[in-house]
Amino acid sequence: MVRDTLANPEQTDAGYKSRLLAYKSLGNRKIKVVYNKEDERFVIISVIWD
């Protein structure tokens, strides 16, 4: 789910301290992934269900 959200987000935004946010709806819930991108790698900070 996290990889799919990063690869195909429905919405993206900038977060606190230049962190990146990716959102994706899954059924009646939404997943929010907070991450940084370093070179070609993603560093996941948190994953939150809304």
PDB file of N, CA and C in Angstrom:
ATOM      1  N   MET A   1       0.809  -1.195   0.000  1.00  0.00           N
ATOM      2  CA  MET A   1       0.000   0.000   0.000  1.00  0.00           C
ATOM      3  C   MET A   1       0.856   1.265   0.000  1.00  0.00           C
ATOM      4  N   VAL A   2       1.914   1.249   0.786  1.00  0.00           N
ATOM      5  CA  VAL A   2       2.776   2.427   0.861  1.00  0.00           C
ATOM      6  C   VAL A   2       3.489   2.649  -0.478  1.00  0.00           C
ATOM      7  N   ARG A   3       4.020   1.598  -1.055  1.00  0.00           N
ATOM      8  CA  ARG A   3       4.702   1.729  -2.355  1.00  0.00           C
ATOM      9  C   ARG A   3       3.749   2.214  -3.431  1.00  0.00           C
ATOM     10  N   ASP A   4       2.530   1.692  -3.427  1.00  0.00           N
ATOM     11  CA  ASP A   4       1.531   2.117  -4.407  1.00  0.00           C
ATOM     12  C   ASP A   4       1.167   3.584  -4.216  1.00  0.00           C
ATOM     13  N   THR A   5       1.070   4.015  -2.975  1.00  0.00           N
ATOM     14  CA  THR A   5       0.758   5.423  -2.688  1.00  0.00           C
ATOM     15  C   THR A   5       1.873   6.333  -3.181  1.00  0.00           C
ATOM     16  N   LEU A   6       3.116   5.924  -2.993  1.00  0.00           N
ATOM     17  CA  LEU A   6       4.236   6.741  -3.465  1.00  0.00           C
ATOM     18  C   LEU A   6       4.340   6.732  -4.987  1.00  0.00           C
ATOM     19  N   ALA A   7       4.043   5.600  -5.612  1.00  0.00           N
ATOM     20  CA  ALA A   7       4.145   5.487  -7.067  1.00  0.00           C
ATOM     21  C   ALA A   7       2.986   6.171  -7.783  1.00  0.00           C
ATOM     22  N   ASN A   8       1.778   6.107  -7.199  1.00  0.00           N
ATOM     23  CA  ASN A   8       0.577   6.647  -7.846  1.00  0.00           C
ATOM     24  C   ASN A   8      -0.289   7.420  -6.860  1.00  0.00           C
ATOM     25  N   PRO A   9       0.202   8.514  -6.317  1.00  0.00           N
ATOM     26  CA  PRO A   9      -0.597   9.259  -5.344  1.00  0.00           C
ATOM     27  C   PRO A   9      -1.768   9.972  -6.014  1.00  0.00           C
ATOM     28  N   GLU A  10      -2.867  10.092  -5.282  1.00  0.00           N
ATOM     29  CA  GLU A  10      -4.000  10.883  -5.777  1.00  0.00           C
ATOM     30  C   GLU A  10      -3.766  12.363  -5.514  1.00  0.00           C
ATOM     31  N   GLN A  11      -2.982  12.644  -4.476  1.00  0.00           N
ATOM     32  CA  GLN A  11      -2.703  14.029  -4.109  1.00  0.00           C
ATOM     33  C   GLN A  11      -1.323  14.079  -3.468  1.00  0.00           C
ATOM     34  N   THR A  12      -0.582  15.161  -3.707  1.00  0.00           N
ATOM     35  CA  THR A  12       0.709  15.373  -3.061  1.00  0.00           C
ATOM     36  C   THR A  12       0.734  16.768  -2.470  1.00  0.00           C
ATOM     37  N   ASP A  13       1.599  16.958  -1.492  1.00  0.00           N
ATOM     38  CA  ASP A  13       1.686  18.254  -0.825  1.00  0.00           C
ATOM     39  C   ASP A  13       3.047  18.341  -0.155  1.00  0.00           C
ATOM     40  N   ALA A  14       3.396  19.533   0.307  1.00  0.00           N
ATOM     41  CA  ALA A  14       4.617  19.737   1.084  1.00  0.00           C
ATOM     42  C   ALA A  14       4.223  19.794   2.550  1.00  0.00           C
ATOM     43  N   GLY A  15       5.052  19.196   3.391  1.00  0.00           N
ATOM     44  CA  GLY A  15       4.764  19.159   4.816  1.00  0.00           C
ATOM     45  C   GLY A  15       5.777  19.952   5.605  1.00  0.00           C
ATOM     46  N   TYR A  16       5.797  19.701   6.890  1.00  0.00           N
ATOM     47  CA  TYR A  16       6.683  20.348   7.845  1.00  0.00           C
ATOM     48  C   TYR A  16       8.146  20.031   7.528  1.00  0.00           C
ATOM     49  N   LYS A  17       9.000  21.031   7.598  1.00  0.00           N
ATOM     50  CA  LYS A  17      10.445  20.886   7.352  1.00  0.00           C
ATOM     51  C   LYS A  17      10.754  20.276   5.989  1.00  0.00           C
ATOM     52  N   SER A  18      10.062  20.696   4.973  1.00  0.00           N
ATOM     53  CA  SER A  18      10.276  20.258   3.587  1.00  0.00           C
ATOM     54  C   SER A  18      10.014  18.769   3.365  1.00  0.00           C
ATOM     55  N   ARG A  19       9.245  18.159   4.238  1.00  0.00           N
ATOM     56  CA  ARG A  19       8.863  16.765   4.024  1.00  0.00           C
ATOM     57  C   ARG A  19       7.786  16.713   2.968  1.00  0.00           C
ATOM     58  N   LEU A  20       7.705  15.605   2.276  1.00  0.00           N
ATOM     59  CA  LEU A  20       6.712  15.432   1.221  1.00  0.00           C
ATOM     60  C   LEU A  20       5.571  14.567   1.738  1.00  0.00           C
ATOM     61  N   LEU A  21       4.372  14.831   1.234  1.00  0.00           N
ATOM     62  CA  LEU A  21       3.182  14.091   1.625  1.00  0.00           C
ATOM     63  C   LEU A  21       2.547  13.484   0.388  1.00  0.00           C
ATOM     64  N   ALA A  22       2.112  12.246   0.501  1.00  0.00           N
ATOM     65  CA  ALA A  22       1.403  11.570  -0.584  1.00  0.00           C
ATOM     66  C   ALA A  22       0.135  10.956   0.001  1.00  0.00           C
ATOM     67  N   TYR A  23      -0.997  11.140  -0.694  1.00  0.00           N
ATOM     68  CA  TYR A  23      -2.292  10.644  -0.233  1.00  0.00           C
ATOM     69  C   TYR A  23      -2.899   9.719  -1.275  1.00  0.00           C
ATOM     70  N   LYS A  24      -3.628   8.699  -0.789  1.00  0.00           N
ATOM     71  CA  LYS A  24      -4.351   7.805  -1.688  1.00  0.00           C
ATOM     72  C   LYS A  24      -5.555   7.237  -0.949  1.00  0.00           C
ATOM     73  N   SER A  25      -6.700   7.217  -1.624  1.00  0.00           N
ATOM     74  CA  SER A  25      -7.907   6.633  -1.054  1.00  0.00           C
ATOM     75  C   SER A  25      -7.912   5.137  -1.274  1.00  0.00           C
ATOM     76  N   LEU A  26      -8.272   4.415  -0.228  1.00  0.00           N
ATOM     77  CA  LEU A  26      -8.400   2.963  -0.291  1.00  0.00           C
ATOM     78  C   LEU A  26      -9.728   2.612   0.365  1.00  0.00           C
ATOM     79  N   GLY A  27     -10.737   2.382  -0.457  1.00  0.00           N
ATOM     80  CA  GLY A  27     -12.079   2.152   0.079  1.00  0.00           C
ATOM     81  C   GLY A  27     -12.629   3.451   0.648  1.00  0.00           C
ATOM     82  N   ASN A  28     -13.113   3.405   1.868  1.00  0.00           N
ATOM     83  CA  ASN A  28     -13.664   4.611   2.490  1.00  0.00           C
ATOM     84  C   ASN A  28     -12.641   5.301   3.398  1.00  0.00           C
ATOM     85  N   ARG A  29     -11.379   4.876   3.323  1.00  0.00           N
ATOM     86  CA  ARG A  29     -10.325   5.476   4.130  1.00  0.00           C
ATOM     87  C   ARG A  29      -9.249   6.061   3.225  1.00  0.00           C
ATOM     88  N   LYS A  30      -8.422   6.915   3.812  1.00  0.00           N
ATOM     89  CA  LYS A  30      -7.341   7.550   3.057  1.00  0.00           C
ATOM     90  C   LYS A  30      -6.022   7.299   3.793  1.00  0.00           C
ATOM     91  N   ILE A  31      -4.985   6.963   3.024  1.00  0.00           N
ATOM     92  CA  ILE A  31      -3.662   6.760   3.601  1.00  0.00           C
ATOM     93  C   ILE A  31      -2.813   8.001   3.312  1.00  0.00           C
ATOM     94  N   LYS A  32      -2.046   8.404   4.300  1.00  0.00           N
ATOM     95  CA  LYS A  32      -1.148   9.558   4.170  1.00  0.00           C
ATOM     96  C   LYS A  32       0.260   9.064   4.465  1.00  0.00           C
ATOM     97  N   VAL A  33       1.173   9.271   3.525  1.00  0.00           N
ATOM     98  CA  VAL A  33       2.569   8.866   3.695  1.00  0.00           C
ATOM     99  C   VAL A  33       3.423  10.127   3.770  1.00  0.00           C
ATOM    100  N   VAL A  34       4.166  10.257   4.846  1.00  0.00           N
ATOM    101  CA  VAL A  34       5.089  11.377   5.032  1.00  0.00           C
ATOM    102  C   VAL A  34       6.488  10.833   4.752  1.00  0.00           C
ATOM    103  N   TYR A  35       7.218  11.494   3.856  1.00  0.00           N
ATOM    104  CA  TYR A  35       8.519  10.954   3.443  1.00  0.00           C
ATOM    105  C   TYR A  35       9.451  12.051   2.967  1.00  0.00           C
ATOM    106  N   ASN A  36      10.711  11.702   2.845  1.00  0.00           N
ATOM    107  CA  ASN A  36      11.732  12.527   2.207  1.00  0.00           C
ATOM    108  C   ASN A  36      12.273  11.726   1.036  1.00  0.00           C
ATOM    109  N   LYS A  37      12.775  12.422   0.047  1.00  0.00           N
ATOM    110  CA  LYS A  37      13.407  11.746  -1.085  1.00  0.00           C
ATOM    111  C   LYS A  37      14.878  12.133  -1.078  1.00  0.00           C
ATOM    112  N   GLU A  38      15.738  11.122  -0.955  1.00  0.00           N
ATOM    113  CA  GLU A  38      17.182  11.332  -0.950  1.00  0.00           C
ATOM    114  C   GLU A  38      17.768  10.602  -2.147  1.00  0.00           C
ATOM    115  N   ASP A  39      18.296  11.348  -3.081  1.00  0.00           N
ATOM    116  CA  ASP A  39      18.773  10.807  -4.346  1.00  0.00           C
ATOM    117  C   ASP A  39      17.616  10.052  -5.008  1.00  0.00           C
ATOM    118  N   GLU A  40      17.738   8.770  -5.209  1.00  0.00           N
ATOM    119  CA  GLU A  40      16.675   7.980  -5.837  1.00  0.00           C
ATOM    120  C   GLU A  40      15.914   7.128  -4.814  1.00  0.00           C
ATOM    121  N   ARG A  41      16.127   7.380  -3.531  1.00  0.00           N
ATOM    122  CA  ARG A  41      15.512   6.581  -2.482  1.00  0.00           C
ATOM    123  C   ARG A  41      14.462   7.386  -1.723  1.00  0.00           C
ATOM    124  N   PHE A  42      13.453   6.684  -1.244  1.00  0.00           N
ATOM    125  CA  PHE A  42      12.434   7.273  -0.397  1.00  0.00           C
ATOM    126  C   PHE A  42      12.721   6.905   1.056  1.00  0.00           C
ATOM    127  N   VAL A  43      12.688   7.884   1.943  1.00  0.00           N
ATOM    128  CA  VAL A  43      12.836   7.639   3.370  1.00  0.00           C
ATOM    129  C   VAL A  43      11.472   7.898   4.001  1.00  0.00           C
ATOM    130  N   ILE A  44      10.799   6.829   4.430  1.00  0.00           N
ATOM    131  CA  ILE A  44       9.458   6.930   4.994  1.00  0.00           C
ATOM    132  C   ILE A  44       9.574   7.401   6.440  1.00  0.00           C
ATOM    133  N   ILE A  45       8.832   8.444   6.773  1.00  0.00           N
ATOM    134  CA  ILE A  45       8.835   8.975   8.130  1.00  0.00           C
ATOM    135  C   ILE A  45       7.631   8.443   8.899  1.00  0.00           C
ATOM    136  N   SER A  46       6.460   8.475   8.278  1.00  0.00           N
ATOM    137  CA  SER A  46       5.267   7.911   8.932  1.00  0.00           C
ATOM    138  C   SER A  46       4.208   7.573   7.907  1.00  0.00           C
ATOM    139  N   VAL A  47       3.310   6.682   8.334  1.00  0.00           N
ATOM    140  CA  VAL A  47       2.150   6.287   7.529  1.00  0.00           C
ATOM    141  C   VAL A  47       0.949   6.407   8.443  1.00  0.00           C
ATOM    142  N   ILE A  48      -0.074   7.144   7.986  1.00  0.00           N
ATOM    143  CA  ILE A  48      -1.234   7.455   8.827  1.00  0.00           C
ATOM    144  C   ILE A  48      -2.510   7.127   8.057  1.00  0.00           C
ATOM    145  N   TRP A  49      -3.457   6.480   8.718  1.00  0.00           N
ATOM    146  CA  TRP A  49      -4.788   6.244   8.144  1.00  0.00           C
ATOM    147  C   TRP A  49      -5.724   7.339   8.616  1.00  0.00           C
ATOM    148  N   ASP A  50      -6.477   7.897   7.693  1.00  0.00           N
ATOM    149  CA  ASP A  50      -7.527   8.878   8.030  1.00  0.00           C
ATOM    150  C   ASP A  50      -8.879   8.250   7.849  1.00  0.00           C
TER     151      ASP A  50
END
